[in-house]
Amino acid sequence: MARDKVSVIGAGKVGSTTAQWIVSQDLADVVLIDVVEGLPQGCALDTLEAAPVLASSMSCAGCQDFEAVEGSRIVVITAGKPRTPGMSRDDLLAINASIVSKVAQACGERAPQAIYIVVTNPLDVMAYVVKRAVGADEKRVVGMAGVLDTSRFRSFVAHALNVSARDVQALVLGSHGDDMIPLIRTATVGGVPLTDLLSVEAIEALVQRTRNGGAEIVGLLKTGSAYVAPSASVVEMVQSILKDQKRLLPCSAYLTGQYGIEDAFVGVPVVLGSEGIERVIEFSLTQQEQQRLAACARSVKEMIAKV
């Protein structure tokens, strides 16, 4: 039985770290592709040389040739311009739409049946660009956003309460940006409602920090953006697909009427399995939550119209 293959497009910090996680967890052989000569080769070789220490049997190769994408179960798209201080995710719209469209078309010609995980910002719009360029159905294109945003919120709650992040359960819906919707009413710590443990003011501060999570890191790094948490979030999705774990995860999914939204990628709970998004989980939202989710969809559609 052939081993699974994952192609990671873009050998920057997020892409190269994603490749490292996949190899270290012995999930799949990895191909790392980037237009910069030597960059994917060097990152891949470094990861390959770590495989014996990591007790991994997987290979990792780097190249500039999109022909290497052929046969991939999953294609992870991280290619694009990262944010710099003072730049919003929306500022990246035009340049990254051009990059991602070309990448997705090249990959789609060689791996038309692959499942595509989109990481490039602005995330929800780039997922739409990939779907159009590849010609894929709604099950095979998924955006990595909710897993990362939820992880950030969980980590901030755990730090505030001085408890293990493993015991914090939460869900963040909506867009990957300032309009994201952390569902406070569903958040728990070891089964205890978060609202019983922190004040309204303290929770709101954590929500704001979550919304600003990426920008906070950009401001600290000065010359780069977050990559460890984003790549770990990608790999959680990769693992659920390759192992058919059917994890229920918050992801950016193409909606066809769910939650009253059509023809837009928005962060919602989905079941991720071997076929990609096996189903979108719908549950009752409050009127305010529904309005905010609809506003996210409108914002995404406005950016899509610009593209």
Protein backbone atom coordinates (compact mmCIF):
# COMPACT_ATOMS: atom_id res chain seq x y z
CA MET A 1 0.00 0.00 0.00
CA ALA A 2 1.47 3.34 -1.09
CA ARG A 3 2.22 5.92 1.58
CA ASP A 4 0.28 9.14 1.64
CA LYS A 5 1.82 12.23 0.12
CA VAL A 6 1.27 15.84 1.17
CA SER A 7 2.48 18.76 -0.94
CA VAL A 8 3.14 22.03 0.87
CA ILE A 9 3.24 25.07 -1.41
CA GLY A 10 5.39 27.82 0.06
CA ALA A 11 8.58 27.12 2.02
CA GLY A 12 8.38 30.11 4.34
CA LYS A 13 8.09 29.71 8.09
CA VAL A 14 4.54 28.31 8.02
CA GLY A 15 5.17 25.95 5.10
CA SER A 16 8.52 24.61 6.29
CA THR A 17 7.27 24.16 9.85
CA THR A 18 4.19 22.34 8.55
CA ALA A 19 6.49 19.96 6.69
CA GLN A 20 8.49 19.39 9.89
CA TRP A 21 5.35 18.59 11.90
CA ILE A 22 4.07 16.14 9.26
CA VAL A 23 7.37 14.25 9.12
CA SER A 24 7.87 14.31 12.89
CA GLN A 25 4.43 12.76 13.40
CA ASP A 26 5.16 10.11 10.74
CA LEU A 27 2.02 11.09 8.83
CA ALA A 28 3.06 11.25 5.18
CA ASP A 29 5.84 11.86 2.69
CA VAL A 30 6.17 15.59 2.06
CA VAL A 31 7.02 17.64 -1.00
CA LEU A 32 7.90 21.28 -0.27
CA ILE A 33 7.59 23.65 -3.26
CA ASP A 34 8.69 27.27 -3.53
CA VAL A 35 9.75 29.61 -6.32
CA VAL A 36 12.90 30.63 -4.43
CA GLU A 37 15.76 28.45 -5.67
CA GLY A 38 17.31 26.40 -2.87
CA LEU A 39 14.83 27.40 -0.15
CA PRO A 40 12.53 24.35 -0.29
CA GLN A 41 15.50 22.06 -0.95
CA GLY A 42 17.34 23.34 2.10
CA CYS A 43 14.30 23.20 4.41
CA ALA A 44 13.41 19.72 3.17
CA LEU A 45 16.94 18.40 3.61
CA ASP A 46 17.12 19.76 7.15
CA THR A 47 13.82 18.03 7.98
CA LEU A 48 14.92 14.79 6.29
CA GLU A 49 18.11 14.71 8.35
CA ALA A 50 16.03 14.97 11.53
CA ALA A 51 13.86 11.96 10.63
CA PRO A 52 16.07 9.33 12.35
CA VAL A 53 16.07 11.33 15.58
CA LEU A 54 12.30 11.74 15.32
CA ALA A 55 11.83 8.01 14.65
CA SER A 56 10.08 8.91 11.41
CA SER A 57 10.04 6.80 8.25
CA MET A 58 8.75 9.60 6.06
CA SER A 59 10.65 11.44 3.36
CA CYS A 60 10.82 15.16 2.67
CA ALA A 61 11.89 16.69 -0.64
CA GLY A 62 12.01 20.24 -1.94
CA CYS A 63 11.78 21.63 -5.47
CA GLN A 64 10.47 24.39 -7.75
CA ASP A 65 8.59 22.02 -10.08
CA PHE A 66 4.82 21.71 -9.67
CA GLU A 67 4.98 18.34 -11.39
CA ALA A 68 5.95 17.00 -7.95
CA VAL A 69 2.40 17.69 -6.70
CA GLU A 70 1.05 14.77 -8.73
CA GLY A 71 -0.33 11.98 -6.55
CA SER A 72 -0.83 14.13 -3.46
CA ARG A 73 -3.65 13.26 -1.06
CA ILE A 74 -3.49 16.76 0.39
CA VAL A 75 -2.14 20.07 -0.93
CA VAL A 76 -1.45 22.75 1.68
CA ILE A 77 -1.23 26.27 0.25
CA THR A 78 0.79 28.70 2.36
CA ALA A 79 2.31 30.66 -0.54
CA GLY A 80 1.88 34.41 -0.47
CA LYS A 81 3.06 37.60 1.12
CA PRO A 82 3.03 37.59 4.95
CA ARG A 83 1.81 40.46 7.05
CA THR A 84 4.19 43.16 8.25
CA PRO A 85 3.61 45.61 11.14
CA GLY A 86 0.66 47.90 10.46
CA MET A 87 -0.71 45.68 7.70
CA SER A 88 -4.12 44.03 8.02
CA ARG A 89 -5.06 40.68 6.51
CA ASP A 90 -7.24 42.56 4.02
CA ASP A 91 -4.25 44.60 2.82
CA LEU A 92 -2.88 41.38 1.37
CA LEU A 93 -5.92 40.80 -0.83
CA ALA A 94 -4.73 41.78 -4.32
CA ILE A 95 -1.20 40.41 -4.28
CA ASN A 96 -2.07 37.13 -2.60
CA ALA A 97 -5.11 36.53 -4.81
CA SER A 98 -2.80 36.64 -7.82
CA ILE A 99 -0.24 34.31 -6.24
CA VAL A 100 -2.76 31.81 -4.90
CA SER A 101 -4.75 31.67 -8.14
CA LYS A 102 -1.66 30.72 -10.15
CA VAL A 103 -0.54 28.18 -7.54
CA ALA A 104 -3.97 26.58 -7.27
CA GLN A 105 -4.34 26.28 -11.04
CA ALA A 106 -0.92 24.63 -11.34
CA CYS A 107 -1.73 22.20 -8.53
CA GLY A 108 -5.23 21.50 -9.79
CA GLU A 109 -3.90 20.40 -13.16
CA ARG A 110 -1.65 17.82 -11.47
CA ALA A 111 -3.67 16.77 -8.41
CA PRO A 112 -7.33 17.40 -9.30
CA GLN A 113 -8.64 14.96 -6.67
CA ALA A 114 -6.52 16.21 -3.78
CA ILE A 115 -7.96 17.90 -0.72
CA TYR A 116 -6.79 21.51 -0.49
CA ILE A 117 -6.04 23.20 2.83
CA VAL A 118 -5.69 26.96 2.42
CA VAL A 119 -3.57 28.99 4.85
CA THR A 120 -2.74 32.17 2.90
CA ASN A 121 -4.43 35.39 4.09
CA PRO A 122 -7.01 36.81 3.78
CA LEU A 123 -7.95 33.22 4.44
CA ASP A 124 -11.65 32.99 3.62
CA VAL A 125 -11.22 34.83 0.32
CA MET A 126 -8.17 32.79 -0.67
CA ALA A 127 -10.13 29.58 -0.07
CA TYR A 128 -12.72 30.85 -2.55
CA VAL A 129 -9.96 31.65 -5.04
CA VAL A 130 -8.58 28.11 -4.70
CA LYS A 131 -11.98 26.51 -5.15
CA ARG A 132 -12.55 28.47 -8.36
CA ALA A 133 -9.06 27.86 -9.74
CA VAL A 134 -9.03 24.13 -9.01
CA GLY A 135 -12.66 23.53 -9.91
CA ALA A 136 -13.09 21.47 -6.75
CA ASP A 137 -16.36 20.71 -4.99
CA GLU A 138 -17.07 22.19 -1.57
CA LYS A 139 -15.80 19.11 0.28
CA ARG A 140 -12.24 19.30 -1.03
CA VAL A 141 -11.30 22.89 -0.16
CA VAL A 142 -11.03 23.91 3.47
CA GLY A 143 -9.49 26.93 5.12
CA MET A 144 -7.31 26.75 8.22
CA ALA A 145 -8.55 29.49 10.52
CA GLY A 146 -10.93 28.33 13.21
CA VAL A 147 -8.51 25.74 14.59
CA LEU A 148 -5.85 28.43 15.03
CA ASP A 149 -8.21 31.08 16.44
CA THR A 150 -9.74 28.55 18.84
CA SER A 151 -6.28 27.41 19.95
CA ARG A 152 -5.28 31.00 20.67
CA PHE A 153 -8.43 31.62 22.70
CA ARG A 154 -7.96 28.37 24.65
CA SER A 155 -4.34 29.22 25.42
CA PHE A 156 -5.23 32.72 26.67
CA VAL A 157 -8.01 31.33 28.89
CA ALA A 158 -5.67 28.69 30.32
CA HIS A 159 -3.03 31.31 31.07
CA ALA A 160 -5.55 33.60 32.75
CA LEU A 161 -6.81 30.79 34.99
CA ASN A 162 -3.42 29.05 35.45
CA VAL A 163 -4.84 25.72 34.27
CA SER A 164 -3.91 23.23 31.55
CA ALA A 165 -4.93 24.33 28.07
CA ARG A 166 -6.01 20.73 27.44
CA ASP A 167 -8.95 21.25 29.79
CA VAL A 168 -10.20 24.39 28.01
CA GLN A 169 -12.84 23.74 25.36
CA ALA A 170 -14.01 26.53 23.08
CA LEU A 171 -15.25 27.32 19.58
CA VAL A 172 -14.45 30.30 17.37
CA LEU A 173 -16.59 30.89 14.28
CA GLY A 174 -16.74 33.48 11.52
CA SER A 175 -13.94 35.13 9.57
CA HIS A 176 -10.25 34.85 10.30
CA GLY A 177 -9.87 38.46 11.35
CA ASP A 178 -11.43 41.18 13.46
CA ASP A 179 -14.93 39.79 12.86
CA MET A 180 -14.22 36.35 14.36
CA ILE A 181 -16.81 35.09 16.84
CA PRO A 182 -15.56 33.30 19.98
CA LEU A 183 -18.67 31.59 21.40
CA ILE A 184 -18.39 32.46 25.08
CA ARG A 185 -21.60 30.67 26.05
CA THR A 186 -20.17 27.32 24.92
CA ALA A 187 -16.67 27.72 26.41
CA THR A 188 -15.84 25.48 29.37
CA VAL A 189 -12.87 24.60 31.55
CA GLY A 190 -12.98 20.98 32.67
CA GLY A 191 -16.73 21.06 32.09
CA VAL A 192 -17.23 24.25 34.12
CA PRO A 193 -18.70 27.19 32.15
CA LEU A 194 -16.12 29.89 31.53
CA THR A 195 -18.64 32.52 32.62
CA ASP A 196 -18.55 30.98 36.13
CA LEU A 197 -14.77 31.39 36.33
CA LEU A 198 -14.03 34.82 34.86
CA SER A 199 -15.76 38.19 34.86
CA VAL A 200 -17.41 39.60 31.76
CA GLU A 201 -14.63 42.18 31.52
CA ALA A 202 -11.88 39.57 31.80
CA ILE A 203 -13.50 37.39 29.13
CA GLU A 204 -13.91 40.34 26.77
CA ALA A 205 -10.21 41.16 27.17
CA LEU A 206 -9.35 37.57 26.16
CA VAL A 207 -11.68 37.80 23.17
CA GLN A 208 -10.00 40.99 22.00
CA ARG A 209 -6.56 39.46 22.46
CA THR A 210 -7.66 36.46 20.38
CA ARG A 211 -8.88 38.73 17.57
CA ASN A 212 -5.56 40.55 17.71
CA GLY A 213 -3.52 37.37 18.16
CA GLY A 214 -1.77 37.43 14.80
CA ALA A 215 -1.11 41.17 14.85
CA GLU A 216 0.36 40.91 18.36
CA ILE A 217 2.94 38.42 17.12
CA VAL A 218 3.67 40.49 14.00
CA GLY A 219 4.32 43.49 16.22
CA LEU A 220 6.73 41.56 18.40
CA LEU A 221 8.63 39.81 15.59
CA LYS A 222 8.87 42.99 13.46
CA THR A 223 10.01 41.07 10.36
CA GLY A 224 7.64 38.13 10.26
CA SER A 225 4.35 36.65 11.41
CA ALA A 226 3.13 33.67 13.42
CA TYR A 227 4.13 30.23 12.17
CA VAL A 228 4.29 27.64 14.97
CA ALA A 229 0.63 27.75 16.00
CA PRO A 230 -0.62 28.12 12.39
CA SER A 231 1.41 25.14 11.18
CA ALA A 232 0.38 23.01 14.18
CA SER A 233 -3.25 23.85 13.35
CA VAL A 234 -2.74 22.77 9.74
CA VAL A 235 -1.29 19.45 10.85
CA GLU A 236 -4.24 18.75 13.16
CA MET A 237 -6.43 19.02 10.06
CA VAL A 238 -4.02 16.95 7.93
CA GLN A 239 -4.02 14.19 10.53
CA SER A 240 -7.80 14.09 10.74
CA ILE A 241 -8.02 13.70 6.96
CA LEU A 242 -5.22 11.16 6.47
CA LYS A 243 -6.33 9.00 9.41
CA ASP A 244 -10.04 9.50 8.73
CA GLN A 245 -10.46 10.62 12.34
CA LYS A 246 -13.63 12.57 11.57
CA ARG A 247 -12.64 15.30 14.02
CA LEU A 248 -15.18 18.05 14.58
CA LEU A 249 -13.10 21.18 14.01
CA PRO A 250 -13.86 24.84 13.29
CA CYS A 251 -12.71 25.49 9.71
CA SER A 252 -13.45 27.85 6.86
CA ALA A 253 -15.95 25.98 4.69
CA TYR A 254 -17.89 26.80 1.52
CA LEU A 255 -21.52 27.19 2.56
CA THR A 256 -24.45 26.35 0.33
CA GLY A 257 -27.29 27.52 2.53
CA GLN A 258 -26.11 26.39 5.96
CA TYR A 259 -26.66 29.09 8.59
CA GLY A 260 -28.53 31.01 5.87
CA ILE A 261 -25.29 31.70 3.96
CA GLU A 262 -24.55 30.81 0.35
CA ASP A 263 -21.51 31.06 -1.93
CA ALA A 264 -18.97 32.13 0.68
CA PHE A 265 -16.29 30.58 2.87
CA VAL A 266 -16.96 31.19 6.57
CA GLY A 267 -15.62 29.56 9.72
CA VAL A 268 -18.06 26.94 11.04
CA PRO A 269 -17.79 23.52 12.75
CA VAL A 270 -17.13 20.73 10.25
CA VAL A 271 -16.34 17.02 10.33
CA LEU A 272 -12.98 16.37 8.65
CA GLY A 273 -12.37 12.88 7.29
CA SER A 274 -10.79 11.06 4.38
CA GLU A 275 -13.08 12.81 1.88
CA GLY A 276 -12.36 16.27 3.26
CA ILE A 277 -15.30 18.17 4.72
CA GLU A 278 -17.71 15.31 5.26
CA ARG A 279 -20.41 17.59 6.63
CA VAL A 280 -20.99 21.03 8.07
CA ILE A 281 -22.37 20.93 11.59
CA GLU A 282 -25.30 23.28 12.08
CA PHE A 283 -26.51 24.20 15.55
CA SER A 284 -28.67 26.94 17.01
CA LEU A 285 -27.07 30.37 17.26
CA THR A 286 -28.41 33.33 19.18
CA GLN A 287 -29.81 36.17 17.12
CA GLN A 288 -26.68 38.23 17.75
CA GLU A 289 -24.36 35.36 16.79
CA GLN A 290 -26.34 34.72 13.59
CA GLN A 291 -26.18 38.40 12.68
CA ARG A 292 -22.43 38.51 13.25
CA LEU A 293 -21.89 35.36 11.17
CA ALA A 294 -23.97 36.86 8.35
CA ALA A 295 -21.87 40.03 8.59
CA CYS A 296 -18.72 37.95 8.20
CA ALA A 297 -20.14 36.38 5.05
CA ARG A 298 -21.02 39.80 3.62
CA SER A 299 -17.49 41.05 4.27
CA VAL A 300 -15.99 38.00 2.57
CA LYS A 301 -18.27 38.44 -0.44
CA GLU A 302 -17.27 42.10 -0.74
CA MET A 303 -13.60 41.11 -0.93
CA ILE A 304 -14.38 38.33 -3.40
CA ALA A 305 -16.09 40.91 -5.61
CA LYS A 306 -12.88 42.99 -5.55
CA VAL A 307 -10.86 39.96 -6.61
